[in-house]
């Protein structure tokens, strides 16, 4: 990983770009540390990116925005392709790393989902 020399998006965020051999699979890295005085709730819109976010501190509750069910709390998250938005909430303290992967990059890193036929992505 090469550290991005551009300004960060917030005081607790550091952006990084992948090394050249990974650029077709890894879109970027974002390290974050939030220490807010109040809980934070936000809407995560559907995207064509797979995100893997190991957490070092704090948990996040996730709920489908279209078909709400009881929220599930997670420390680390792997979020794949979705058609609907997700409501993400945390207590205000969150520290971790988010890695954005292309679908092909996620497939190469993790293989096919459990129970699916093996082979290439999409087939």
C-alpha atoms as a PDB file:
ATOM      1  CA  UNK A   1       0.000   0.000   0.000  1.00  0.00           C
ATOM      2  CA  UNK A   2       1.192   3.483  -0.737  1.00  0.00           C
ATOM      3  CA  UNK A   3       0.020   6.256   1.531  1.00  0.00           C
ATOM      4  CA  UNK A   4      -1.988   8.949  -0.196  1.00  0.00           C
ATOM      5  CA  UNK A   5      -0.473  12.426   0.189  1.00  0.00           C
ATOM      6  CA  UNK A   6      -3.787  14.170  -0.497  1.00  0.00           C
ATOM      7  CA  UNK A   7      -5.609  15.758   2.443  1.00  0.00           C
ATOM      8  CA  UNK A   8      -7.726  13.363   4.460  1.00  0.00           C
ATOM      9  CA  UNK A   9     -11.496  13.566   4.302  1.00  0.00           C
ATOM     10  CA  UNK A  10     -11.721  14.202   8.054  1.00  0.00           C
ATOM     11  CA  UNK A  11      -9.323  14.501  10.999  1.00  0.00           C
ATOM     12  CA  UNK A  12      -9.725  10.798  11.833  1.00  0.00           C
ATOM     13  CA  UNK A  13      -9.323   9.406   8.301  1.00  0.00           C
ATOM     14  CA  UNK A  14      -6.266   8.382   6.305  1.00  0.00           C
ATOM     15  CA  UNK A  15      -6.606   7.315   2.681  1.00  0.00           C
ATOM     16  CA  UNK A  16      -4.322   4.928   0.833  1.00  0.00           C
ATOM     17  CA  UNK A  17      -3.954   3.602  -2.682  1.00  0.00           C
ATOM     18  CA  UNK A  18      -3.043   0.009  -3.504  1.00  0.00           C
ATOM     19  CA  UNK A  19       0.310  -1.034  -4.872  1.00  0.00           C
ATOM     20  CA  UNK A  20       0.415  -1.284  -8.676  1.00  0.00           C
ATOM     21  CA  UNK A  21      -0.080  -5.099  -8.921  1.00  0.00           C
ATOM     22  CA  UNK A  22      -3.296  -4.874  -6.854  1.00  0.00           C
ATOM     23  CA  UNK A  23      -4.950  -1.933  -8.631  1.00  0.00           C
ATOM     24  CA  UNK A  24      -7.219  -4.094 -10.784  1.00  0.00           C
ATOM     25  CA  UNK A  25      -8.652  -5.691  -7.651  1.00  0.00           C
ATOM     26  CA  UNK A  26      -8.238  -3.236  -4.753  1.00  0.00           C
ATOM     27  CA  UNK A  27      -9.754   0.209  -5.216  1.00  0.00           C
ATOM     28  CA  UNK A  28      -8.403   1.788  -2.043  1.00  0.00           C
ATOM     29  CA  UNK A  29      -7.898   1.730   1.700  1.00  0.00           C
ATOM     30  CA  UNK A  30      -9.384   4.012   4.330  1.00  0.00           C
ATOM     31  CA  UNK A  31      -8.235   3.961   7.922  1.00  0.00           C
ATOM     32  CA  UNK A  32     -10.583   5.697  10.334  1.00  0.00           C
ATOM     33  CA  UNK A  33     -10.849   6.615  13.994  1.00  0.00           C
ATOM     34  CA  UNK A  34     -14.050   8.217  15.246  1.00  0.00           C
ATOM     35  CA  UNK A  35     -14.526   9.422  18.799  1.00  0.00           C
ATOM     36  CA  UNK A  36     -17.811  11.320  18.676  1.00  0.00           C
ATOM     37  CA  UNK A  37     -19.822  12.569  21.643  1.00  0.00           C
ATOM     38  CA  UNK A  38     -23.010  11.016  20.323  1.00  0.00           C
ATOM     39  CA  UNK A  39     -24.132   7.997  18.296  1.00  0.00           C
ATOM     40  CA  UNK A  40     -24.020   8.243  14.523  1.00  0.00           C
ATOM     41  CA  UNK A  41     -26.634   6.887  12.117  1.00  0.00           C
ATOM     42  CA  UNK A  42     -26.147   6.976   8.363  1.00  0.00           C
ATOM     43  CA  UNK A  43     -27.543   5.503   5.180  1.00  0.00           C
ATOM     44  CA  UNK A  44     -25.167   3.345   3.159  1.00  0.00           C
ATOM     45  CA  UNK A  45     -26.326   3.339  -0.461  1.00  0.00           C
ATOM     46  CA  UNK A  46     -25.974   0.299  -2.738  1.00  0.00           C
ATOM     47  CA  UNK A  47     -22.720   0.188  -4.657  1.00  0.00           C
ATOM     48  CA  UNK A  48     -20.779  -2.041  -7.031  1.00  0.00           C
ATOM     49  CA  UNK A  49     -17.897  -2.280  -4.564  1.00  0.00           C
ATOM     50  CA  UNK A  50     -17.173  -5.015  -2.026  1.00  0.00           C
ATOM     51  CA  UNK A  51     -15.983  -3.598   1.303  1.00  0.00           C
ATOM     52  CA  UNK A  52     -14.059  -5.502   3.953  1.00  0.00           C
ATOM     53  CA  UNK A  53     -13.780  -3.543   7.201  1.00  0.00           C
ATOM     54  CA  UNK A  54     -11.908  -5.104  10.113  1.00  0.00           C
ATOM     55  CA  UNK A  55     -12.669  -3.136  13.279  1.00  0.00           C
ATOM     56  CA  UNK A  56     -10.123  -2.477  15.989  1.00  0.00           C
ATOM     57  CA  UNK A  57     -12.578  -0.765  18.372  1.00  0.00           C
ATOM     58  CA  UNK A  58     -16.353  -0.400  18.485  1.00  0.00           C
ATOM     59  CA  UNK A  59     -19.243  -2.180  16.830  1.00  0.00           C
ATOM     60  CA  UNK A  60     -21.703  -1.217  14.113  1.00  0.00           C
ATOM     61  CA  UNK A  61     -25.364  -2.197  13.885  1.00  0.00           C
ATOM     62  CA  UNK A  62     -26.669  -2.855  10.372  1.00  0.00           C
ATOM     63  CA  UNK A  63     -30.261  -3.000   9.145  1.00  0.00           C
ATOM     64  CA  UNK A  64     -31.666  -3.279   5.631  1.00  0.00           C
ATOM     65  CA  UNK A  65     -33.320   0.081   4.860  1.00  0.00           C
ATOM     66  CA  UNK A  66     -36.091  -1.452   2.724  1.00  0.00           C
ATOM     67  CA  UNK A  67     -36.988  -4.532   4.775  1.00  0.00           C
ATOM     68  CA  UNK A  68     -36.113  -3.556   8.343  1.00  0.00           C
ATOM     69  CA  UNK A  69     -35.536  -6.409  10.743  1.00  0.00           C
ATOM     70  CA  UNK A  70     -33.866  -6.359  14.126  1.00  0.00           C
ATOM     71  CA  UNK A  71     -30.405  -4.833  13.711  1.00  0.00           C
ATOM     72  CA  UNK A  72     -27.367  -7.064  14.037  1.00  0.00           C
ATOM     73  CA  UNK A  73     -24.208  -5.694  15.676  1.00  0.00           C
ATOM     74  CA  UNK A  74     -20.828  -6.447  14.146  1.00  0.00           C
ATOM     75  CA  UNK A  75     -17.231  -5.578  14.947  1.00  0.00           C
ATOM     76  CA  UNK A  76     -15.806  -6.378  11.529  1.00  0.00           C
ATOM     77  CA  UNK A  77     -17.877  -6.335   8.347  1.00  0.00           C
ATOM     78  CA  UNK A  78     -17.648  -7.768   4.845  1.00  0.00           C
ATOM     79  CA  UNK A  79     -20.287  -6.116   2.659  1.00  0.00           C
ATOM     80  CA  UNK A  80     -20.956  -7.435  -0.802  1.00  0.00           C
ATOM     81  CA  UNK A  81     -23.031  -6.178  -3.676  1.00  0.00           C
ATOM     82  CA  UNK A  82     -26.568  -5.176  -2.648  1.00  0.00           C
ATOM     83  CA  UNK A  83     -29.680  -3.821  -4.350  1.00  0.00           C
ATOM     84  CA  UNK A  84     -30.968  -1.934  -1.305  1.00  0.00           C
ATOM     85  CA  UNK A  85     -29.510   0.578   1.110  1.00  0.00           C
ATOM     86  CA  UNK A  86     -28.357  -0.278   4.620  1.00  0.00           C
ATOM     87  CA  UNK A  87     -28.786   1.754   7.794  1.00  0.00           C
ATOM     88  CA  UNK A  88     -25.517   1.742   9.753  1.00  0.00           C
ATOM     89  CA  UNK A  89     -25.370   2.925  13.364  1.00  0.00           C
ATOM     90  CA  UNK A  90     -22.648   3.045  15.987  1.00  0.00           C
ATOM     91  CA  UNK A  91     -22.227   4.509  19.452  1.00  0.00           C
ATOM     92  CA  UNK A  92     -19.795   7.197  18.283  1.00  0.00           C
ATOM     93  CA  UNK A  93     -16.546   5.312  18.851  1.00  0.00           C
ATOM     94  CA  UNK A  94     -15.253   3.366  15.881  1.00  0.00           C
ATOM     95  CA  UNK A  95     -11.712   2.553  14.771  1.00  0.00           C
ATOM     96  CA  UNK A  96     -10.776   0.347  11.854  1.00  0.00           C
ATOM     97  CA  UNK A  97      -9.735  -0.092   8.258  1.00  0.00           C
ATOM     98  CA  UNK A  98     -12.002  -0.276   5.194  1.00  0.00           C
ATOM     99  CA  UNK A  99     -10.682  -1.987   2.077  1.00  0.00           C
ATOM    100  CA  UNK A 100     -12.678  -1.470  -1.142  1.00  0.00           C
ATOM    101  CA  UNK A 101     -12.448  -4.318  -3.641  1.00  0.00           C
ATOM    102  CA  UNK A 102     -13.802  -4.859  -7.119  1.00  0.00           C
ATOM    103  CA  UNK A 103     -16.129  -7.887  -7.364  1.00  0.00           C
ATOM    104  CA  UNK A 104     -13.340  -9.763  -9.163  1.00  0.00           C
ATOM    105  CA  UNK A 105     -10.894  -8.782  -6.411  1.00  0.00           C
ATOM    106  CA  UNK A 106     -13.259 -10.093  -3.730  1.00  0.00           C
ATOM    107  CA  UNK A 107     -13.720 -13.326  -5.651  1.00  0.00           C
ATOM    108  CA  UNK A 108      -9.968 -13.777  -6.010  1.00  0.00           C
ATOM    109  CA  UNK A 109      -9.420 -13.058  -2.310  1.00  0.00           C
ATOM    110  CA  UNK A 110     -12.296 -15.082  -0.838  1.00  0.00           C
ATOM    111  CA  UNK A 111     -13.501 -17.486  -3.538  1.00  0.00           C
ATOM    112  CA  UNK A 112     -17.148 -18.301  -4.242  1.00  0.00           C
ATOM    113  CA  UNK A 113     -19.785 -17.957  -1.506  1.00  0.00           C
ATOM    114  CA  UNK A 114     -20.432 -21.089   0.535  1.00  0.00           C
ATOM    115  CA  UNK A 115     -22.883 -23.401  -1.199  1.00  0.00           C
ATOM    116  CA  UNK A 116     -22.439 -21.903  -4.659  1.00  0.00           C
ATOM    117  CA  UNK A 117     -20.853 -23.695  -7.596  1.00  0.00           C
ATOM    118  CA  UNK A 118     -17.163 -23.030  -8.001  1.00  0.00           C
ATOM    119  CA  UNK A 119     -15.892 -21.201 -11.011  1.00  0.00           C
ATOM    120  CA  UNK A 120     -15.464 -17.658 -12.172  1.00  0.00           C
ATOM    121  CA  UNK A 121     -17.428 -14.692 -10.781  1.00  0.00           C
ATOM    122  CA  UNK A 122     -20.899 -14.449 -12.242  1.00  0.00           C
ATOM    123  CA  UNK A 123     -20.979 -18.048 -13.359  1.00  0.00           C
END
